[in-house]
Amino acid sequence: MLIQKVNDTLYRVSEYDMRDTILLSGEYKDASLSTPNGRFSYYSKPKLSSKFIHSPSDTTNYIQLTGNYVNGAKEGLWISYARAGEKQSGKTYKNDKLNGPFITYTPVSGEWTSEEMIDGVSAGTTYNYNEDSVLTLETHLENGRPIKVIWHVTAGEPKYDFESYLEGKLKVYKKLLMNAKPLLKFTITKEGKLTKLSLKQGISPEVDKAIIEAIYEAPPFEPAKLDGKVIEFKTNRLLLLFQKRIPFNDPRNG
């Protein structure tokens, strides 16, 4: 631990592991380091993971959590990261209690949700947004339970069994796809065509390319609508191919 005395009420601290990898940096009010008072950053160094068959791995040390303390209490915006540069949440504090926007991010898909907190308790409404910050859904809660759901974005779904279509095109890769869950990111045009395709949590360059090519040849989707008006819409879909799928009745489609 490296401690730098700036003055009688400011001590800057950096903590490292035995391999000289930084773990923490922050500012304290006292020499005993009992009262954090200033900007703090907590770091993480991820290990290689074999969770996905084909996925780039980043083992760079990164800031996992950062925010400010005032006289030992969290104050203002605290941001956590799932990995380098990918926000996981943003929490607003006042005197160590959650007060203000509480935002949760889904780094892979780019979607995010927001709700207002008052003295650590949710104000009762959660708002869901897509990657382009289009409001897709709002859920009104009472005693922690949803009492009203408003879908702002509707449809944006295929008029046919999309997964079965892909299975017919990708039979040669069945064994690989049975054990994978590739996440497809795409944009649905106003005509229902799928564009700007990309795969997160992919499998291999060869299989990923075959999936993308099959999707480009797929029949169009039902266009998405924002409060009844047809729009171009960016979304994502988890592909469960050659696997048992649970039937899902989307309430947006009646």
Protein backbone atom coordinates (compact mmCIF):
# COMPACT_ATOMS: atom_id res chain seq x y z
CA MET A 1 0.00 0.00 0.00
CA LEU A 2 1.34 3.40 -1.02
CA ILE A 3 0.20 6.33 1.14
CA GLN A 4 0.84 9.95 0.15
CA LYS A 5 0.12 12.74 2.60
CA VAL A 6 -1.06 15.80 0.66
CA ASN A 7 -2.04 17.81 3.74
CA ASP A 8 -3.48 17.18 7.21
CA THR A 9 -6.92 16.31 5.78
CA LEU A 10 -5.97 14.55 2.54
CA TYR A 11 -4.19 11.19 2.22
CA ARG A 12 -4.00 9.51 -1.17
CA VAL A 13 -3.81 5.72 -1.11
CA SER A 14 -3.00 3.11 -3.75
CA GLU A 15 -3.17 -0.60 -2.93
CA TYR A 16 -1.47 -3.32 -5.01
CA ASP A 17 -1.24 -7.10 -4.98
CA MET A 18 2.05 -9.00 -4.80
CA ARG A 19 2.40 -8.80 -8.59
CA ASP A 20 2.18 -5.01 -8.53
CA THR A 21 -1.34 -4.97 -9.99
CA ILE A 22 -3.38 -2.08 -8.62
CA LEU A 23 -6.42 -3.06 -6.54
CA LEU A 24 -7.64 0.26 -5.18
CA SER A 25 -7.00 3.98 -5.32
CA GLY A 26 -8.70 6.58 -3.18
CA GLU A 27 -8.51 9.49 -0.77
CA TYR A 28 -8.91 9.55 3.00
CA LYS A 29 -9.51 12.36 5.45
CA ASP A 30 -7.27 11.06 8.23
CA ALA A 31 -3.89 9.41 8.74
CA SER A 32 -5.51 6.29 10.21
CA LEU A 33 -7.38 5.80 6.89
CA SER A 34 -10.71 5.36 8.68
CA THR A 35 -12.72 8.01 6.81
CA PRO A 36 -12.79 7.82 3.00
CA ASN A 37 -13.30 11.29 1.56
CA GLY A 38 -12.87 11.74 -2.17
CA ARG A 39 -12.73 9.72 -5.37
CA PHE A 40 -12.33 5.94 -5.08
CA SER A 41 -11.69 3.38 -7.81
CA TYR A 42 -11.70 -0.39 -7.30
CA TYR A 43 -9.97 -2.51 -9.93
CA SER A 44 -10.33 -6.03 -11.31
CA LYS A 45 -8.10 -8.18 -13.50
CA PRO A 46 -10.23 -10.85 -15.24
CA LYS A 47 -8.93 -14.34 -15.88
CA LEU A 48 -9.25 -16.23 -19.13
CA SER A 49 -12.64 -17.88 -19.42
CA SER A 50 -13.80 -20.84 -21.49
CA LYS A 51 -17.48 -19.99 -21.02
CA PHE A 52 -17.92 -19.43 -24.73
CA ILE A 53 -16.39 -21.52 -27.47
CA HIS A 54 -15.37 -18.51 -29.52
CA SER A 55 -15.17 -15.18 -27.77
CA PRO A 56 -12.38 -12.60 -27.46
CA SER A 57 -10.89 -12.44 -23.97
CA ASP A 58 -9.49 -9.32 -22.35
CA THR A 59 -7.33 -9.81 -19.26
CA THR A 60 -6.40 -6.13 -18.91
CA ASN A 61 -6.74 -4.66 -15.43
CA TYR A 62 -9.74 -2.30 -15.38
CA ILE A 63 -11.82 -0.13 -13.05
CA GLN A 64 -14.69 -2.27 -11.74
CA LEU A 65 -16.31 0.33 -9.45
CA THR A 66 -15.77 4.05 -9.03
CA GLY A 67 -17.43 6.90 -7.15
CA ASN A 68 -17.06 9.52 -4.42
CA TYR A 69 -17.14 9.44 -0.62
CA VAL A 70 -17.92 12.48 1.51
CA ASN A 71 -16.97 12.06 5.17
CA GLY A 72 -17.20 8.27 4.90
CA ALA A 73 -20.55 8.16 3.08
CA LYS A 74 -21.16 7.43 -0.60
CA GLU A 75 -22.26 10.53 -2.46
CA GLY A 76 -23.28 11.16 -6.07
CA LEU A 77 -22.94 8.74 -8.97
CA TRP A 78 -21.23 5.37 -8.51
CA ILE A 79 -20.55 3.38 -11.68
CA SER A 80 -19.72 -0.31 -11.92
CA TYR A 81 -18.28 -2.04 -14.98
CA ALA A 82 -18.69 -5.63 -16.20
CA ARG A 83 -15.37 -5.31 -18.02
CA ALA A 84 -13.15 -2.53 -19.36
CA GLY A 85 -15.37 0.27 -20.62
CA GLU A 86 -18.64 -1.71 -20.36
CA LYS A 87 -20.96 -0.18 -17.79
CA GLN A 88 -22.93 -2.56 -15.58
CA SER A 89 -24.79 -0.11 -13.34
CA GLY A 90 -25.00 3.51 -12.30
CA LYS A 91 -26.27 4.25 -8.79
CA THR A 92 -26.88 7.69 -7.31
CA TYR A 93 -26.28 8.18 -3.57
CA LYS A 94 -27.05 10.90 -1.06
CA ASN A 95 -25.49 10.49 2.37
CA ASP A 96 -24.86 6.76 1.76
CA LYS A 97 -28.44 6.02 0.64
CA LEU A 98 -29.69 5.40 -2.87
CA ASN A 99 -31.41 8.59 -4.01
CA GLY A 100 -31.95 9.36 -7.66
CA PRO A 101 -31.59 7.34 -10.86
CA PHE A 102 -30.59 3.67 -10.55
CA ILE A 103 -29.49 2.47 -14.00
CA THR A 104 -28.69 -1.13 -14.94
CA TYR A 105 -26.90 -1.90 -18.21
CA THR A 106 -26.76 -5.11 -20.25
CA PRO A 107 -23.29 -4.74 -21.80
CA VAL A 108 -23.60 -7.43 -24.48
CA SER A 109 -26.93 -6.24 -25.92
CA GLY A 110 -26.62 -2.54 -25.08
CA GLU A 111 -30.05 -2.45 -23.44
CA TRP A 112 -30.54 -0.64 -20.14
CA THR A 113 -33.16 0.01 -17.46
CA SER A 114 -33.74 2.96 -15.17
CA GLU A 115 -35.72 3.52 -12.00
CA GLU A 116 -35.86 6.27 -9.41
CA MET A 117 -34.77 5.55 -5.83
CA ILE A 118 -35.88 7.48 -2.75
CA ASP A 119 -33.97 6.76 0.49
CA GLY A 120 -33.04 3.30 -0.75
CA VAL A 121 -36.55 2.38 -1.92
CA SER A 122 -37.77 2.21 -5.51
CA ALA A 123 -40.24 4.94 -6.46
CA GLY A 124 -42.23 2.28 -8.29
CA THR A 125 -41.61 2.53 -12.05
CA THR A 126 -38.93 0.83 -14.14
CA TYR A 127 -38.15 2.02 -17.67
CA ASN A 128 -36.51 -0.23 -20.28
CA TYR A 129 -34.53 1.15 -23.22
CA ASN A 130 -32.78 -0.37 -26.22
CA GLU A 131 -29.20 0.38 -27.30
CA ASP A 132 -30.31 3.64 -28.97
CA SER A 133 -32.13 4.76 -25.78
CA VAL A 134 -35.58 4.17 -27.30
CA LEU A 135 -38.09 3.59 -24.49
CA THR A 136 -39.42 0.07 -25.11
CA LEU A 137 -41.28 -0.75 -21.91
CA GLU A 138 -42.30 0.70 -18.58
CA THR A 139 -43.37 -1.33 -15.57
CA HIS A 140 -45.28 0.21 -12.68
CA LEU A 141 -44.73 -1.55 -9.35
CA GLU A 142 -46.58 -1.61 -6.05
CA ASN A 143 -44.99 -3.31 -3.05
CA GLY A 144 -42.40 -4.76 -5.40
CA ARG A 145 -44.97 -6.35 -7.74
CA PRO A 146 -45.91 -5.17 -11.26
CA ILE A 147 -49.40 -3.69 -11.42
CA LYS A 148 -49.22 -2.09 -14.87
CA VAL A 149 -47.04 -2.78 -17.92
CA ILE A 150 -46.92 -0.42 -20.91
CA TRP A 151 -45.26 -1.67 -24.10
CA HIS A 152 -44.04 1.26 -26.19
CA VAL A 153 -42.33 -0.89 -28.83
CA THR A 154 -44.43 -3.71 -30.30
CA ALA A 155 -43.84 -6.53 -32.76
CA GLY A 156 -40.38 -6.56 -34.34
CA GLU A 157 -40.80 -10.33 -34.48
CA PRO A 158 -40.77 -12.90 -37.33
CA LYS A 159 -44.04 -14.05 -38.88
CA TYR A 160 -42.64 -17.59 -38.96
CA ASP A 161 -40.53 -19.97 -36.85
CA PHE A 162 -37.19 -18.18 -37.18
CA GLU A 163 -35.15 -20.76 -35.25
CA SER A 164 -36.55 -23.67 -37.29
CA TYR A 165 -35.65 -21.77 -40.46
CA LEU A 166 -32.06 -21.39 -39.24
CA GLU A 167 -31.85 -25.04 -38.20
CA GLY A 168 -32.75 -26.03 -41.75
CA LYS A 169 -29.94 -23.85 -43.08
CA LEU A 170 -27.32 -24.89 -40.52
CA LYS A 171 -27.73 -28.67 -40.19
CA VAL A 172 -24.05 -29.24 -40.88
CA TYR A 173 -23.17 -27.37 -37.66
CA LYS A 174 -25.79 -29.09 -35.47
CA LYS A 175 -23.36 -30.59 -32.94
CA LEU A 176 -21.70 -27.24 -32.30
CA LEU A 177 -24.94 -25.28 -32.13
CA MET A 178 -26.59 -27.71 -29.69
CA ASN A 179 -24.17 -26.56 -26.98
CA ALA A 180 -24.07 -22.86 -27.78
CA LYS A 181 -26.23 -19.79 -27.28
CA PRO A 182 -25.06 -17.17 -29.77
CA LEU A 183 -26.52 -13.71 -29.26
CA LEU A 184 -27.60 -11.97 -32.44
CA LYS A 185 -27.63 -8.17 -32.59
CA PHE A 186 -29.45 -6.62 -35.53
CA THR A 187 -31.58 -3.78 -36.83
CA ILE A 188 -35.10 -4.27 -38.19
CA THR A 189 -35.85 -1.82 -40.99
CA LYS A 190 -39.28 -0.26 -41.51
CA GLU A 191 -39.84 -2.94 -44.17
CA GLY A 192 -38.99 -5.74 -41.72
CA LYS A 193 -35.59 -6.60 -43.22
CA LEU A 194 -32.74 -7.60 -40.90
CA THR A 195 -29.61 -5.48 -41.30
CA LYS A 196 -26.42 -4.58 -39.40
CA LEU A 197 -26.05 -8.16 -38.18
CA SER A 198 -23.42 -9.12 -35.63
CA LEU A 199 -22.95 -12.03 -33.25
CA LYS A 200 -21.94 -11.75 -29.62
CA GLN A 201 -20.94 -14.91 -27.77
CA GLY A 202 -20.14 -16.50 -31.12
CA ILE A 203 -18.92 -20.02 -31.87
CA SER A 204 -16.18 -19.86 -34.50
CA PRO A 205 -15.47 -17.62 -37.49
CA GLU A 206 -16.77 -20.29 -39.88
CA VAL A 207 -20.01 -20.98 -38.00
CA ASP A 208 -20.61 -17.31 -37.24
CA LYS A 209 -20.28 -16.48 -40.95
CA ALA A 210 -22.74 -19.26 -41.87
CA ILE A 211 -25.28 -17.97 -39.34
CA ILE A 212 -25.02 -14.40 -40.63
CA GLU A 213 -25.39 -15.52 -44.26
CA ALA A 214 -28.48 -17.60 -43.40
CA ILE A 215 -30.06 -14.65 -41.60
CA TYR A 216 -29.46 -12.28 -44.51
CA GLU A 217 -31.44 -14.72 -46.69
CA ALA A 218 -34.28 -15.04 -44.16
CA PRO A 219 -37.82 -13.79 -44.86
CA PRO A 220 -38.61 -10.39 -43.31
CA PHE A 221 -39.82 -9.80 -39.76
CA GLU A 222 -42.88 -7.87 -38.71
CA PRO A 223 -41.68 -4.22 -38.52
CA ALA A 224 -41.34 -2.71 -35.06
CA LYS A 225 -43.69 0.06 -33.95
CA LEU A 226 -43.09 2.77 -31.39
CA ASP A 227 -46.43 3.79 -29.87
CA GLY A 228 -48.14 2.60 -33.06
CA LYS A 229 -45.73 4.21 -35.56
CA VAL A 230 -43.46 1.99 -37.71
CA ILE A 231 -39.79 2.59 -36.90
CA GLU A 232 -36.33 1.23 -37.63
CA PHE A 233 -35.38 -0.62 -34.47
CA LYS A 234 -32.15 -2.01 -33.05
CA THR A 235 -32.58 -5.17 -30.96
CA ASN A 236 -31.07 -8.58 -30.14
CA ARG A 237 -32.11 -12.22 -29.99
CA LEU A 238 -30.61 -15.23 -28.21
CA LEU A 239 -30.47 -18.09 -30.71
CA LEU A 240 -31.37 -21.48 -29.23
CA LEU A 241 -30.77 -23.78 -32.17
CA PHE A 242 -31.28 -27.57 -32.10
CA GLN A 243 -32.35 -27.20 -28.46
CA LYS A 244 -35.65 -27.58 -26.65
CA ARG A 245 -37.44 -24.25 -26.70
CA ILE A 246 -40.18 -23.17 -24.30
CA PRO A 247 -43.19 -21.67 -26.15
CA PHE A 248 -43.51 -17.96 -25.40
CA ASN A 249 -46.61 -15.86 -25.87
CA ASP A 250 -45.53 -12.25 -26.27
CA PRO A 251 -48.27 -10.06 -24.71
CA ARG A 252 -47.35 -7.25 -27.10
CA ASN A 253 -48.80 -9.28 -29.94
CA GLY A 254 -52.13 -9.91 -28.23
